Amino acid sequence: MRELSRLRIALFTYSTKPRGSVLHTLELATALHSLGHTVAIYALDKDGAGFDYPLGCSAYLIPTQPVGGGMDALIQQRIQEFVDFLSLGHCQQHTYDCYHAQDCIAANALLQLREKGQIPHFIRTVHHVEAFTSAYLQACQDRSIQAPNLCLSVSRDSQTDVQQRYGIHAPRVINGINGDRFSPIPDGTESAIKQQLGITGNPVYLTVGGIEPRKNSLALLKAFARVLSHFPQAQLVMAGGATLFDYQSYRDQFFALADDLAITPGRSLLLPGVVANAQLPGLYRTADAFVFPSLKEGWGLVVLEAIASGLPVLTSHQLPFTEFLEPHQALLIDPQDPEAIAQGMVQIVAPQTAQALVEASRSILPHYSWVTSAKMHLNHYRQLL
């Protein structure tokens, strides 16, 4: 067997857009590369724009085609696009010690390649287990967790989920925070970002993740309506939104609710969509507080980003957030209760409260570095090999 001190590692992700598992892939690749390993990223590239992120390793962008016929057909085609790209001689020209999928789509593609004998094994990281109503999507998820030679998890919550639902032990590998990117120290971009996005409020609340059920967007909007009665000049900035799934009906509900609550997008409610990689650190620093009452996360990387950026954080009093946050480090609220969210939003911008949360929360950052995560991955890779 080849010397394992320097590994050749292929990481696979379903998108080039900045969602949690995609960012995990990029940061993990960067850390593995910095430790001296050869790393390549394979990603489905929907719009041909590639990654809006500096990469020090190789990246292979897989073009995708439009799909008609619903979500099942979309997932089936995306899996096949992975398989087709990798099967056309690519596996013979580019061989790796480790083939590592970060999601259900990539894992199902690697399963097909393993069954064809084109790769020897594959690994999958479970960020969170979805509750699909589609039998096809559920079967895809089941295969992606049951079939890998090694399953990893990003939190104790996802680890427990995999153990209870599938009877599989998925060792935990942590997420990290890039302290070179996210900092409370202004870099001069903040004024331009405020002007570009129309951020003029006081206070300014930020959330990152887009409008979708899992992010609990309706409850957050209801809470913000209550906050406006205390702070009429407040603004809620809801950044992000790139996702594989179609949440149009939920978005329709969101905008109908905004209309009912007399909350006008573009004024008190700002929806900038996906924010450029270069702007995101500055965007955090334009806010007074970070609010993230999510209902389901694998980890919640944006919470670490907000803490590293010097913001007080309000988030859900449940796993995985309570895995790394104590009550004195964040306002932990019931995400199902808009009134509790609103009370927390009012409380968190009180100067004494905000300062105490910021000071207490920063102590967790040294425990979550991407180099530490990469070393944990390497340990599991070598055990598998």
Foldseek 3Di string as FASTA:
>chain_A
DDDLPAWEEEEEEAEQADDDLNVQRQLLQQLSVVSPHAYEYEYEYDPPPHHLDDHPHHYHYQYADDDDDDDLRVLVRSLVSLLVVCVPCVLVVDPTLAAEYADLSPLSNVLVCCVVVSHVFYEYEDLADDDDPDPSVNVSSLCSLPPGPAYAAAFVVRQVVCCVPPVDGHHHFHAADDLVQAAQDDDPCQVVVCVVQVPDAPAEEEEEDAQAVQQLLQLQLLLVLVLCVVGVRYAYEYEEDDDPDDRPVSVVVNVVVCVVSVNDESGRYTYPYHDRSNCVNSVLNSHAAYEGAGNDTSAPVVVVSNLNNQHAYEYAPDPPVVVQDDCQQHPHFHSVHSNRSNVRVVVCNPVVSGVRNSVVNVVSNVVGHSSSSSVVVSVVSVVSD
